[in-house]
N, C-alpha and C. Protein backbone atom coordinates (compact mmCIF):
# COMPACT_ATOMS: atom_id res chain seq x y z
N MET A 1 230.62 16.89 364.29
CA MET A 1 230.38 17.21 363.19
C MET A 1 230.69 18.80 363.42
N THR A 2 231.42 19.19 362.31
CA THR A 2 231.99 20.64 362.57
C THR A 2 230.77 21.87 362.35
N LYS A 3 231.26 22.75 363.03
CA LYS A 3 230.35 24.06 362.99
C LYS A 3 231.22 25.31 362.45
N ILE A 4 230.33 25.57 361.93
CA ILE A 4 230.78 27.02 361.22
C ILE A 4 230.76 28.64 362.45
N VAL A 5 231.63 28.81 362.85
CA VAL A 5 231.52 30.00 363.84
C VAL A 5 232.07 31.36 362.88
N HIS A 6 231.52 32.13 363.67
CA HIS A 6 231.43 33.56 363.19
C HIS A 6 232.80 34.26 363.44
N PRO A 7 233.57 34.42 362.38
CA PRO A 7 234.88 35.04 362.94
C PRO A 7 234.92 36.02 363.70
N TYR A 8 234.09 36.88 363.76
CA TYR A 8 234.40 37.92 364.87
C TYR A 8 234.10 37.68 366.11
N ALA A 9 232.89 37.05 366.21
CA ALA A 9 232.18 36.22 367.74
C ALA A 9 233.41 35.26 368.51
N HIS A 10 233.98 34.50 367.25
CA HIS A 10 235.22 33.58 367.85
C HIS A 10 236.33 33.94 368.85
N ARG A 11 236.22 35.85 368.23
CA ARG A 11 237.70 36.09 369.22
C ARG A 11 237.42 37.04 369.72
N LEU A 12 236.05 37.18 370.15
CA LEU A 12 235.53 38.30 370.88
C LEU A 12 236.39 38.11 372.55
N GLY A 13 237.05 39.54 372.83
CA GLY A 13 237.11 39.25 374.31
C GLY A 13 238.75 38.86 374.00
N ILE A 14 239.35 38.75 373.21
CA ILE A 14 240.93 37.94 372.96
C ILE A 14 241.45 38.95 372.28
N ILE A 15 241.17 39.09 370.90
CA ILE A 15 241.49 40.02 370.14
C ILE A 15 240.76 41.07 369.36
N LYS A 16 239.30 41.01 369.94
CA LYS A 16 238.26 42.01 369.12
C LYS A 16 237.84 42.47 370.61
N ASP A 17 237.08 43.44 370.00
CA ASP A 17 236.34 44.07 371.36
C ASP A 17 234.74 44.09 370.93
N TRP A 18 234.12 44.25 371.70
CA TRP A 18 232.59 44.40 371.68
C TRP A 18 232.26 45.96 371.06
N LYS A 19 230.93 45.47 369.76
CA LYS A 19 230.91 46.97 369.06
C LYS A 19 229.67 47.79 369.69
N SER A 20 229.08 47.31 370.88
CA SER A 20 228.58 48.17 372.00
C SER A 20 229.19 47.99 373.22
N ARG A 21 229.36 49.21 373.72
CA ARG A 21 230.18 49.17 375.02
C ARG A 21 228.91 49.67 375.93
N TRP A 22 228.77 49.38 377.09
CA TRP A 22 227.56 49.96 378.28
C TRP A 22 228.29 50.36 379.64
N PHE A 23 228.29 51.08 379.89
CA PHE A 23 228.84 51.05 381.31
C PHE A 23 227.94 51.74 382.41
N SER A 24 226.61 51.97 382.45
CA SER A 24 225.59 52.09 383.01
C SER A 24 225.43 50.67 384.22
N ILE A 25 225.11 51.39 385.37
CA ILE A 25 225.13 50.60 386.53
C ILE A 25 223.81 49.81 386.38
N ASN A 26 222.37 50.84 386.31
CA ASN A 26 221.55 49.97 386.03
C ASN A 26 220.62 50.38 384.69
N ALA A 27 221.33 49.28 384.12
CA ALA A 27 220.99 49.19 382.63
C ALA A 27 219.97 48.62 382.35
N ASP A 28 218.94 48.85 381.59
CA ASP A 28 217.73 48.20 381.01
C ASP A 28 218.21 47.59 379.98
N PHE A 29 218.46 46.21 379.91
CA PHE A 29 219.44 45.30 378.46
C PHE A 29 218.27 45.28 377.72
N ARG A 30 217.03 45.10 377.85
CA ARG A 30 215.99 45.10 376.48
C ARG A 30 216.27 46.27 376.11
N LEU A 31 216.09 47.54 376.47
CA LEU A 31 215.91 48.33 376.39
C LEU A 31 216.88 49.25 375.15
N ASN A 32 218.20 48.84 375.89
CA ASN A 32 219.69 49.21 375.20
C ASN A 32 219.60 48.67 374.22
N LEU A 33 219.10 47.35 374.28
CA LEU A 33 219.72 46.09 373.16
C LEU A 33 218.45 46.45 371.81
N LYS A 34 217.49 46.80 372.10
CA LYS A 34 216.38 47.20 370.87
C LYS A 34 216.86 48.52 370.73
N GLY A 35 217.50 49.67 371.21
CA GLY A 35 217.87 51.03 370.70
C GLY A 35 218.87 50.82 369.58
N ASP A 36 220.29 50.29 370.09
CA ASP A 36 221.26 49.53 369.28
C ASP A 36 221.13 48.86 368.21
N MET A 37 220.17 48.39 368.29
CA MET A 37 219.92 47.19 366.87
C MET A 37 218.95 48.86 365.97
N LEU A 38 217.98 49.11 366.33
CA LEU A 38 217.42 50.32 365.58
C LEU A 38 218.65 51.12 365.18
N MET A 39 219.02 51.27 365.94
CA MET A 39 220.05 52.77 365.43
C MET A 39 221.21 52.42 364.58
N ARG A 40 221.61 51.13 364.81
CA ARG A 40 222.38 50.33 363.42
C ARG A 40 221.46 50.22 362.53
N ASP A 41 220.16 49.58 362.19
CA ASP A 41 219.55 49.59 361.16
C ASP A 41 219.33 50.91 360.25
N TRP A 42 218.71 51.98 361.37
CA TRP A 42 218.59 53.14 360.38
C TRP A 42 220.07 53.63 359.55
N ILE A 43 221.07 53.63 360.39
CA ILE A 43 222.23 53.80 359.83
C ILE A 43 222.78 53.43 358.42
N THR A 44 222.75 51.93 358.55
CA THR A 44 222.32 51.01 357.36
C THR A 44 221.70 51.53 356.33
N LYS A 45 220.60 51.76 356.66
CA LYS A 45 219.93 51.69 355.50
C LYS A 45 219.86 53.35 354.89
N ASN A 46 219.94 54.17 355.85
CA ASN A 46 219.95 55.69 355.34
C ASN A 46 221.71 56.19 355.04
N LEU A 47 222.12 55.40 355.30
CA LEU A 47 223.53 55.96 354.60
C LEU A 47 224.42 55.17 354.11
N LYS A 48 223.46 54.18 353.38
CA LYS A 48 223.96 53.39 352.11
C LYS A 48 224.77 53.32 351.30
N ASN A 49 224.97 54.59 350.81
CA ASN A 49 226.24 54.71 349.59
C ASN A 49 227.17 55.51 350.25
N GLN A 50 227.19 55.77 351.48
CA GLN A 50 228.61 56.34 352.15
C GLN A 50 229.93 55.46 352.99
N TYR A 51 229.69 54.36 352.65
CA TYR A 51 230.84 53.20 353.01
C TYR A 51 231.08 53.36 354.33
N ILE A 52 229.99 52.75 354.82
CA ILE A 52 230.15 52.66 356.71
C ILE A 52 230.75 51.63 357.12
N GLY A 53 232.11 51.56 357.51
CA GLY A 53 232.99 50.34 357.89
C GLY A 53 232.23 49.72 359.26
N LEU A 54 231.85 50.30 360.22
CA LEU A 54 231.69 49.93 361.62
C LEU A 54 231.17 51.32 362.00
N VAL A 55 229.94 50.77 363.10
CA VAL A 55 229.15 51.53 363.76
C VAL A 55 229.46 50.96 365.41
N GLU A 56 230.15 51.74 366.30
CA GLU A 56 229.97 51.31 367.68
C GLU A 56 229.20 52.54 368.48
N ILE A 57 228.79 51.74 369.20
CA ILE A 57 228.19 52.69 370.16
C ILE A 57 228.27 51.99 372.04
N GLU A 58 228.83 53.69 372.52
CA GLU A 58 228.83 53.42 373.95
C GLU A 58 227.84 54.27 374.71
N ARG A 59 227.66 53.54 375.84
CA ARG A 59 226.64 54.06 376.97
C ARG A 59 226.98 54.14 378.50
N ASN A 60 226.88 55.44 378.98
CA ASN A 60 226.93 55.84 380.50
C ASN A 60 226.02 56.08 380.97
N SER A 61 225.79 56.57 382.19
CA SER A 61 224.54 56.91 382.65
C SER A 61 224.10 58.40 382.13
N LYS A 62 225.16 59.24 381.67
CA LYS A 62 224.69 60.19 381.68
C LYS A 62 224.39 60.40 379.83
N ALA A 63 225.42 59.60 378.78
CA ALA A 63 225.12 60.08 377.52
C ALA A 63 225.40 59.08 376.89
N ILE A 64 225.00 58.66 375.53
CA ILE A 64 225.07 58.06 374.32
C ILE A 64 225.97 58.29 373.45
N LYS A 65 226.93 57.82 373.00
CA LYS A 65 227.82 58.15 372.41
C LYS A 65 228.25 57.21 370.64
N VAL A 66 227.67 57.30 369.77
CA VAL A 66 227.90 56.53 368.58
C VAL A 66 228.41 56.92 367.39
N ILE A 67 229.28 56.02 367.46
CA ILE A 67 230.55 56.46 366.41
C ILE A 67 230.53 55.81 364.84
N ILE A 68 230.61 56.44 364.15
CA ILE A 68 230.24 55.97 362.66
C ILE A 68 231.77 56.08 361.78
N ASN A 69 232.24 55.00 362.00
CA ASN A 69 233.26 54.50 361.25
C ASN A 69 233.47 54.62 359.44
N THR A 70 233.72 55.38 358.75
CA THR A 70 233.32 55.72 357.10
C THR A 70 234.77 55.88 356.39
N SER A 71 234.70 55.42 355.33
CA SER A 71 236.00 55.77 354.22
C SER A 71 235.42 57.36 353.62
N ARG A 72 234.21 57.96 354.01
CA ARG A 72 233.99 59.14 353.22
C ARG A 72 233.21 60.05 354.61
N PRO A 73 234.19 60.65 355.34
CA PRO A 73 233.45 61.71 356.45
C PRO A 73 232.94 62.88 355.84
N GLY A 74 233.57 63.08 354.84
CA GLY A 74 233.03 64.62 354.40
C GLY A 74 231.69 64.48 354.16
N VAL A 75 231.34 63.35 353.53
CA VAL A 75 229.91 63.15 352.83
C VAL A 75 228.69 63.15 353.96
N VAL A 76 229.25 62.30 355.43
CA VAL A 76 228.58 61.95 356.07
C VAL A 76 228.26 63.08 357.09
N ILE A 77 229.15 63.87 357.27
CA ILE A 77 229.42 65.22 358.09
C ILE A 77 228.42 66.39 357.51
N GLY A 78 228.66 66.19 356.34
CA GLY A 78 227.87 67.21 355.59
C GLY A 78 228.27 68.62 355.52
N LYS A 79 227.51 69.84 354.48
CA LYS A 79 228.14 71.21 354.77
C LYS A 79 227.93 71.85 356.33
N SER A 80 228.88 72.35 356.63
CA SER A 80 228.73 72.82 358.04
C SER A 80 227.88 71.72 359.01
N GLY A 81 228.16 70.89 358.66
CA GLY A 81 227.74 69.72 360.03
C GLY A 81 226.46 69.55 359.77
N GLU A 82 225.52 69.86 358.70
CA GLU A 82 224.40 69.34 358.82
C GLU A 82 223.81 67.74 358.65
N GLY A 83 224.99 67.21 358.13
CA GLY A 83 224.76 65.85 357.96
C GLY A 83 224.54 65.23 359.65
N VAL A 84 225.63 65.42 360.10
CA VAL A 84 225.50 64.83 361.76
C VAL A 84 224.32 65.38 362.17
N ILE A 85 223.78 66.42 362.32
CA ILE A 85 222.65 67.09 362.92
C ILE A 85 221.24 66.40 362.47
N LYS A 86 221.35 66.14 361.50
CA LYS A 86 219.92 65.06 360.65
C LYS A 86 220.46 63.59 361.32
N ILE A 87 221.30 62.99 361.31
CA ILE A 87 221.46 61.85 361.93
C ILE A 87 221.40 62.13 363.24
N LYS A 88 221.63 62.84 363.95
CA LYS A 88 221.37 63.25 365.55
C LYS A 88 220.09 62.97 365.65
N LYS A 89 219.14 64.01 365.20
CA LYS A 89 217.87 64.06 365.30
C LYS A 89 216.72 62.98 365.17
N SER A 90 217.43 62.02 363.94
CA SER A 90 216.49 60.68 363.35
C SER A 90 217.07 59.69 364.56
N LEU A 91 218.17 59.57 365.03
CA LEU A 91 218.03 58.62 366.13
C LEU A 91 217.64 58.92 367.48
N GLU A 92 217.65 60.22 367.89
CA GLU A 92 217.07 60.55 369.04
C GLU A 92 215.54 60.16 368.95
N LYS A 93 214.86 60.31 367.48
CA LYS A 93 213.51 60.45 367.42
C LYS A 93 213.13 58.90 367.57
N ILE A 94 214.06 57.59 366.95
CA ILE A 94 213.95 56.42 367.38
C ILE A 94 213.89 55.99 368.70
N LEU A 95 215.10 57.00 369.62
CA LEU A 95 215.25 56.44 371.13
C LEU A 95 213.85 56.74 371.71
N LEU A 96 213.55 57.95 371.55
CA LEU A 96 212.24 58.29 372.17
C LEU A 96 210.58 57.39 371.91
N LYS A 97 210.69 57.17 370.76
CA LYS A 97 209.96 56.00 370.14
C LYS A 97 209.73 55.07 371.27
N ILE A 98 211.05 54.21 371.47
CA ILE A 98 211.06 52.95 372.06
C ILE A 98 211.03 53.20 373.56
N GLY A 99 210.79 54.27 373.89
CA GLY A 99 210.67 54.53 375.36
C GLY A 99 212.07 55.02 376.32
N GLU A 100 213.03 55.54 375.65
CA GLU A 100 214.50 56.13 376.17
C GLU A 100 213.89 57.80 376.38
N LYS A 101 214.17 57.94 377.98
CA LYS A 101 214.12 59.33 378.59
C LYS A 101 215.40 60.19 378.33
N ASN A 102 214.47 61.32 377.70
CA ASN A 102 215.78 62.23 377.45
C ASN A 102 217.18 61.79 377.12
N PRO A 103 217.03 61.11 375.95
CA PRO A 103 218.50 60.65 375.39
C PRO A 103 219.48 61.59 374.91
N ASN A 104 220.84 61.86 375.76
CA ASN A 104 221.68 62.67 375.37
C ASN A 104 222.51 62.38 374.11
N LEU A 105 222.15 62.12 373.39
CA LEU A 105 223.11 61.90 372.12
C LEU A 105 224.54 62.52 371.45
N GLN A 106 225.46 61.83 371.63
CA GLN A 106 226.84 62.33 370.98
C GLN A 106 226.88 61.39 369.72
N ILE A 107 227.32 62.10 368.54
CA ILE A 107 227.48 61.51 366.99
C ILE A 107 229.32 61.66 366.84
N GLU A 108 230.04 60.64 366.35
CA GLU A 108 231.24 60.92 366.12
C GLU A 108 231.60 60.34 365.20
N VAL A 109 232.15 61.05 363.74
CA VAL A 109 232.38 60.37 362.70
C VAL A 109 233.90 59.98 362.70
N VAL A 110 234.27 58.89 362.32
CA VAL A 110 235.97 58.64 362.37
C VAL A 110 236.10 58.02 361.10
N GLU A 111 237.19 58.29 360.23
CA GLU A 111 237.61 57.88 358.82
C GLU A 111 238.54 56.69 358.90
N ILE A 112 237.86 56.11 358.17
CA ILE A 112 238.59 54.58 357.76
C ILE A 112 239.72 55.28 356.70
N LYS A 113 241.08 55.19 356.89
CA LYS A 113 241.84 55.48 356.10
C LYS A 113 242.45 54.52 355.12
N ASN A 114 242.33 53.00 355.30
CA ASN A 114 242.52 52.00 354.22
C ASN A 114 241.18 51.43 354.02
N PRO A 115 240.32 51.60 353.35
CA PRO A 115 239.20 51.33 353.14
C PRO A 115 239.18 49.86 352.50
N GLU A 116 240.21 49.71 351.51
CA GLU A 116 240.66 47.65 350.81
C GLU A 116 240.99 47.10 352.12
N GLY A 117 241.06 47.74 353.39
CA GLY A 117 241.26 46.86 354.02
C GLY A 117 240.23 46.21 355.39
N ASN A 118 239.14 46.80 355.01
CA ASN A 118 237.92 46.93 355.74
C ASN A 118 236.64 46.07 354.95
N ALA A 119 236.74 44.97 355.65
CA ALA A 119 235.64 43.71 354.96
C ALA A 119 234.06 43.99 354.57
N SER A 120 233.73 45.35 355.55
CA SER A 120 232.42 45.65 355.40
C SER A 120 232.27 46.64 354.31
N ILE A 121 233.59 47.68 354.14
CA ILE A 121 233.29 48.40 352.48
C ILE A 121 233.32 47.58 351.36
N VAL A 122 234.74 46.47 351.67
CA VAL A 122 234.70 45.71 350.61
C VAL A 122 233.39 45.49 349.78
N SER A 123 232.95 44.69 350.87
CA SER A 123 231.31 43.72 350.78
C SER A 123 230.60 45.42 350.05
N GLN A 124 230.44 46.20 350.41
CA GLN A 124 229.56 47.13 349.87
C GLN A 124 230.13 47.77 348.27
N MET A 125 231.16 47.80 347.89
CA MET A 125 232.18 47.57 346.63
C MET A 125 231.16 47.07 345.78
N ILE A 126 231.58 45.23 346.31
CA ILE A 126 231.23 44.77 345.26
C ILE A 126 229.64 44.29 345.30
N ALA A 127 228.67 44.93 345.84
CA ALA A 127 227.35 45.04 345.79
C ALA A 127 227.39 46.02 345.02
N GLU A 128 227.77 47.34 344.99
CA GLU A 128 227.95 48.48 344.06
C GLU A 128 228.21 48.06 342.85
N GLY A 129 229.17 47.22 342.50
CA GLY A 129 229.65 46.79 341.13
C GLY A 129 228.47 46.10 340.67
N ILE A 130 228.00 45.14 341.30
CA ILE A 130 227.19 43.97 340.73
C ILE A 130 225.62 44.88 340.47
N GLU A 131 225.19 45.47 341.31
CA GLU A 131 223.95 46.43 341.21
C GLU A 131 223.79 47.21 339.88
N LYS A 132 225.31 47.51 339.07
CA LYS A 132 225.51 48.31 338.03
C LYS A 132 225.42 47.44 337.01
N ARG A 133 225.30 46.12 337.13
CA ARG A 133 225.53 45.28 336.18
C ARG A 133 226.54 44.94 335.19
N LEU A 134 227.61 44.90 336.24
CA LEU A 134 228.97 44.58 335.81
C LEU A 134 228.95 43.24 335.73
N PRO A 135 229.67 42.39 335.16
CA PRO A 135 229.76 40.97 335.37
C PRO A 135 230.37 40.66 336.46
N TYR A 136 229.69 39.48 336.86
CA TYR A 136 230.25 39.53 338.97
C TYR A 136 231.54 38.97 338.70
N ARG A 137 232.17 38.26 337.80
CA ARG A 137 233.20 37.81 338.05
C ARG A 137 234.53 38.55 337.68
N ARG A 138 234.41 39.89 337.06
CA ARG A 138 235.50 40.80 336.71
C ARG A 138 235.25 41.77 337.77
N VAL A 139 234.08 41.73 338.60
CA VAL A 139 233.83 42.45 339.76
C VAL A 139 234.82 41.83 341.14
N LEU A 140 234.53 40.78 341.12
CA LEU A 140 235.40 40.10 341.89
C LEU A 140 237.22 39.84 341.85
N LYS A 141 237.50 39.51 340.86
CA LYS A 141 238.76 39.44 340.24
C LYS A 141 239.38 41.14 340.70
N GLN A 142 238.97 42.05 340.14
CA GLN A 142 239.23 43.36 340.61
C GLN A 142 239.12 43.65 342.10
N THR A 143 238.05 43.56 342.75
CA THR A 143 238.15 43.58 344.19
C THR A 143 239.23 42.97 344.90
N VAL A 144 239.43 41.86 344.49
CA VAL A 144 240.86 40.85 345.10
C VAL A 144 242.06 41.32 344.76
N GLU A 145 242.11 41.97 343.56
CA GLU A 145 243.48 42.25 343.52
C GLU A 145 243.92 43.74 343.88
N LYS A 146 242.89 44.94 343.88
CA LYS A 146 242.70 45.52 345.10
C LYS A 146 242.99 45.51 346.18
N VAL A 147 242.57 44.68 346.78
CA VAL A 147 242.77 44.59 348.35
C VAL A 147 244.11 43.78 348.36
N MET A 148 244.39 42.98 347.89
CA MET A 148 245.85 42.39 347.80
C MET A 148 246.70 43.35 347.68
N ALA A 149 246.62 44.23 346.76
CA ALA A 149 247.85 45.79 346.61
C ALA A 149 248.16 46.22 347.69
N VAL A 150 247.27 46.27 348.92
CA VAL A 150 247.68 47.07 350.39
C VAL A 150 248.65 46.02 351.16
N LYS A 151 249.34 46.57 351.96
CA LYS A 151 250.75 46.28 352.38
C LYS A 151 250.38 45.07 353.54
N ASP A 152 249.57 45.54 354.71
CA ASP A 152 249.32 44.84 355.48
C ASP A 152 248.38 43.41 355.37
N ILE A 153 247.89 43.39 353.91
CA ILE A 153 246.93 42.09 353.82
C ILE A 153 247.29 41.11 353.74
N LYS A 154 247.20 39.70 354.05
CA LYS A 154 247.74 38.77 353.75
C LYS A 154 246.95 37.70 353.05
N GLY A 155 245.75 38.18 352.82
CA GLY A 155 244.77 37.09 352.40
C GLY A 155 243.15 37.60 352.78
N ILE A 156 242.47 36.84 351.18
CA ILE A 156 241.20 37.58 351.26
C ILE A 156 240.67 36.37 350.56
N ARG A 157 239.16 36.55 351.08
CA ARG A 157 238.57 35.44 350.41
C ARG A 157 236.93 36.16 350.23
N ILE A 158 236.40 35.68 349.31
CA ILE A 158 235.08 36.18 348.55
C ILE A 158 233.80 35.09 348.20
N TYR A 159 232.91 35.23 348.43
CA TYR A 159 231.50 34.35 348.37
C TYR A 159 230.47 35.29 348.12
N LEU A 160 230.04 34.87 346.96
CA LEU A 160 228.97 35.34 346.06
C LEU A 160 228.05 34.40 345.80
N GLY A 161 226.34 34.40 346.65
CA GLY A 161 225.82 33.46 346.20
C GLY A 161 224.28 33.73 345.61
N GLY A 162 223.64 33.17 345.25
CA GLY A 162 222.36 33.87 344.44
C GLY A 162 222.06 33.41 342.99
N ARG A 163 221.09 34.30 342.60
CA ARG A 163 221.10 34.02 340.93
C ARG A 163 221.63 34.89 340.55
N LEU A 164 223.18 34.27 340.00
CA LEU A 164 224.29 34.96 339.14
C LEU A 164 223.74 35.54 337.90
N ALA A 165 223.87 36.69 337.48
CA ALA A 165 224.00 37.09 336.07
C ALA A 165 222.19 36.92 335.48
N GLY A 166 221.21 36.45 336.67
CA GLY A 166 219.85 36.23 336.28
C GLY A 166 219.20 35.20 336.08
N ALA A 167 220.55 33.73 336.33
CA ALA A 167 220.13 32.67 336.03
C ALA A 167 218.79 32.11 336.45
N ASP A 168 218.31 31.29 336.29
CA ASP A 168 216.98 30.83 336.98
C ASP A 168 217.76 29.82 337.90
N MET A 169 218.61 29.57 338.14
CA MET A 169 218.85 28.17 339.06
C MET A 169 219.89 29.62 340.13
N ALA A 170 220.03 29.00 341.49
CA ALA A 170 220.71 30.10 342.23
C ALA A 170 222.19 28.84 342.33
N ARG A 171 223.13 29.81 342.31
CA ARG A 171 224.39 28.97 342.17
C ARG A 171 225.26 29.95 343.24
N SER A 172 226.65 29.34 343.01
CA SER A 172 227.74 30.17 344.31
C SER A 172 228.98 30.38 343.23
N GLU A 173 229.47 31.31 343.53
CA GLU A 173 230.88 31.64 342.87
C GLU A 173 231.91 32.01 344.62
N GLU A 174 233.12 31.50 344.13
CA GLU A 174 233.98 31.79 345.49
C GLU A 174 235.32 32.30 344.61
N ILE A 175 236.11 33.19 345.23
CA ILE A 175 237.52 33.18 344.96
C ILE A 175 238.30 33.51 346.27
N LYS A 176 239.49 33.43 346.02
CA LYS A 176 240.94 33.26 347.44
C LYS A 176 241.57 33.89 347.07
N ARG A 177 242.62 34.65 347.76
CA ARG A 177 243.92 34.73 347.51
C ARG A 177 244.63 34.64 348.69
N GLY A 178 245.78 34.53 348.91
CA GLY A 178 246.64 34.11 349.96
C GLY A 178 245.85 33.51 351.20
N ARG A 179 246.10 33.41 352.55
CA ARG A 179 245.81 32.85 353.57
C ARG A 179 244.49 33.49 354.21
N ILE A 180 243.18 32.44 354.71
CA ILE A 180 242.63 32.89 355.59
C ILE A 180 242.39 31.68 356.85
N PRO A 181 243.36 31.86 357.81
CA PRO A 181 243.24 30.95 358.81
C PRO A 181 242.18 30.82 360.04
N LEU A 182 240.97 30.08 359.57
CA LEU A 182 239.89 30.81 360.34
C LEU A 182 239.49 30.17 362.15
N GLN A 183 240.55 29.13 362.06
CA GLN A 183 240.49 28.10 363.41
C GLN A 183 241.59 28.83 364.51
N THR A 184 242.32 29.87 363.52
CA THR A 184 243.42 30.47 364.81
C THR A 184 243.20 31.96 365.38
N ILE A 185 242.97 31.52 366.84
CA ILE A 185 242.52 33.00 367.57
C ILE A 185 243.13 34.23 367.26
N ARG A 186 244.61 34.00 366.98
CA ARG A 186 245.02 35.22 366.89
C ARG A 186 245.10 36.04 365.70
N ALA A 187 244.40 34.83 364.70
CA ALA A 187 244.88 35.61 363.31
C ALA A 187 243.50 36.91 363.50
N ASP A 188 244.33 38.04 362.75
CA ASP A 188 243.26 39.14 363.07
C ASP A 188 242.29 39.04 361.85
N ILE A 189 240.96 38.83 361.38
CA ILE A 189 240.33 38.29 360.56
C ILE A 189 238.82 39.45 360.35
N ASP A 190 238.83 40.21 359.65
CA ASP A 190 237.65 40.94 359.45
C ASP A 190 236.64 40.35 358.50
N TYR A 191 235.88 40.24 359.04
CA TYR A 191 234.40 39.48 358.33
C TYR A 191 233.10 40.25 358.15
N ALA A 192 232.61 40.02 356.99
CA ALA A 192 231.34 41.23 356.59
C ALA A 192 230.52 40.31 355.43
N ARG A 193 229.45 40.60 355.60
CA ARG A 193 228.26 40.38 354.90
C ARG A 193 227.13 41.53 354.81
N HIS A 194 226.94 41.21 352.78
CA HIS A 194 226.25 42.25 352.40
C HIS A 194 225.26 41.60 351.80
N LYS A 195 224.09 42.48 351.26
CA LYS A 195 223.51 42.07 349.85
C LYS A 195 223.35 42.60 348.79
N ALA A 196 223.52 42.64 347.61
CA ALA A 196 223.20 43.22 346.35
C ALA A 196 221.85 42.55 345.75
N HIS A 197 221.22 44.06 345.75
CA HIS A 197 219.95 43.92 345.49
C HIS A 197 219.36 43.95 344.20
N MET A 198 218.93 43.05 343.52
CA MET A 198 218.53 43.07 341.99
C MET A 198 217.43 42.47 341.88
N PRO A 199 216.90 42.96 340.41
CA PRO A 199 215.13 42.80 339.88
C PRO A 199 215.26 41.38 340.00
N TYR A 200 215.85 40.75 340.06
CA TYR A 200 215.17 39.35 340.45
C TYR A 200 215.71 38.36 341.57
N GLY A 201 216.55 39.36 342.18
CA GLY A 201 216.14 38.44 343.69
C GLY A 201 217.52 39.19 344.46
N ASP A 202 217.98 38.89 345.62
CA ASP A 202 219.21 39.70 346.39
C ASP A 202 220.12 38.63 346.35
N LEU A 203 221.25 39.14 345.88
CA LEU A 203 222.45 38.14 345.86
C LEU A 203 223.51 38.38 347.54
N GLY A 204 223.70 37.29 347.89
CA GLY A 204 224.77 37.25 349.30
C GLY A 204 226.18 37.55 348.58
N ILE A 205 226.55 38.05 349.74
CA ILE A 205 227.62 38.37 349.75
C ILE A 205 228.51 38.25 351.15
N LYS A 206 229.89 37.62 351.03
CA LYS A 206 230.60 37.12 352.50
C LYS A 206 231.78 37.65 351.70
N VAL A 207 232.70 38.17 352.91
CA VAL A 207 234.16 38.72 352.81
C VAL A 207 235.00 38.45 353.74
N TRP A 208 235.94 37.61 353.99
CA TRP A 208 237.20 37.55 354.85
C TRP A 208 238.17 37.94 354.36
N ILE A 209 238.77 38.87 355.16
CA ILE A 209 240.03 39.74 355.05
C ILE A 209 241.05 39.26 355.81
N TYR A 210 242.25 38.58 355.75
CA TYR A 210 243.33 38.14 357.13
C TYR A 210 244.28 39.64 356.72
N LYS A 211 244.67 39.77 357.88
CA LYS A 211 245.60 41.01 358.42
C LYS A 211 246.85 40.85 358.94
N GLY A 212 247.05 39.63 359.13
CA GLY A 212 247.99 39.15 359.90
C GLY A 212 247.51 38.39 361.25
N ASP A 213 248.81 38.12 362.03
CA ASP A 213 248.55 37.49 363.77
C ASP A 213 248.84 39.08 364.46
N ILE A 214 247.55 38.74 365.83
CA ILE A 214 247.84 39.76 367.22
C ILE A 214 248.68 39.08 368.27
N PHE A 215 249.90 39.13 368.73
CA PHE A 215 250.10 38.47 369.46
C PHE A 215 250.08 39.13 371.26
N ASN A 216 250.01 40.12 371.08
CA ASN A 216 250.19 41.20 372.58
C ASN A 216 249.01 42.25 372.39
N LYS A 217 248.36 42.58 373.55
CA LYS A 217 247.67 44.02 373.48
C LYS A 217 248.22 45.55 372.81
N ALA A 218 249.42 45.60 372.80
CA ALA A 218 250.10 46.71 372.17
C ALA A 218 250.00 46.61 370.99
N GLN A 219 249.85 45.28 370.28
CA GLN A 219 249.91 45.22 368.91
C GLN A 219 248.32 45.33 368.04
N LYS A 220 247.64 45.46 369.22
CA LYS A 220 246.25 45.34 368.57
C LYS A 220 245.59 47.33 368.19
């Protein structure tokens, strides 16, 4: 029987790097994992409309560094860095609550220059359009055309499932352009899942974006 493999996990250690990188020798795995998950959840929930593409966490014996990749860095940073200070205080409070002693937290905000090439941001754009009650077919078609207009993108696939247009019965809609070689390990495929929150229930969104093949480390 065939198995559906997560496109990111399938390429980990080959062409993809870990989203959490720990360098501490005496690391408490349970505490670190819980802290990373809670920090990611807080950022996803509280910076919902700021197009967060990726959250990376680096830990060593001295500090914890949280790298927020976003297409709207100015909004995240805020006036005179107020946004970063607020994020830092909230994340430190979370870490202290679970038993982390004196967390030395550093926040870095990195700009995503091509948001249309990031699957997470594309899924958020689709969710935003659907939540504004725009026709879902039009949203999917416009998003696909916008993404395929980017030079380096070779293919895109979008899946939408749930009570589409408020129908009594759940169904799914799918749209695809170009190639999506899921079994080719050197294929650079960005994948993301998101939810559109509607009055009659959540709609599930999945996005696959194919950016070409990677053959060596320098190309990565």
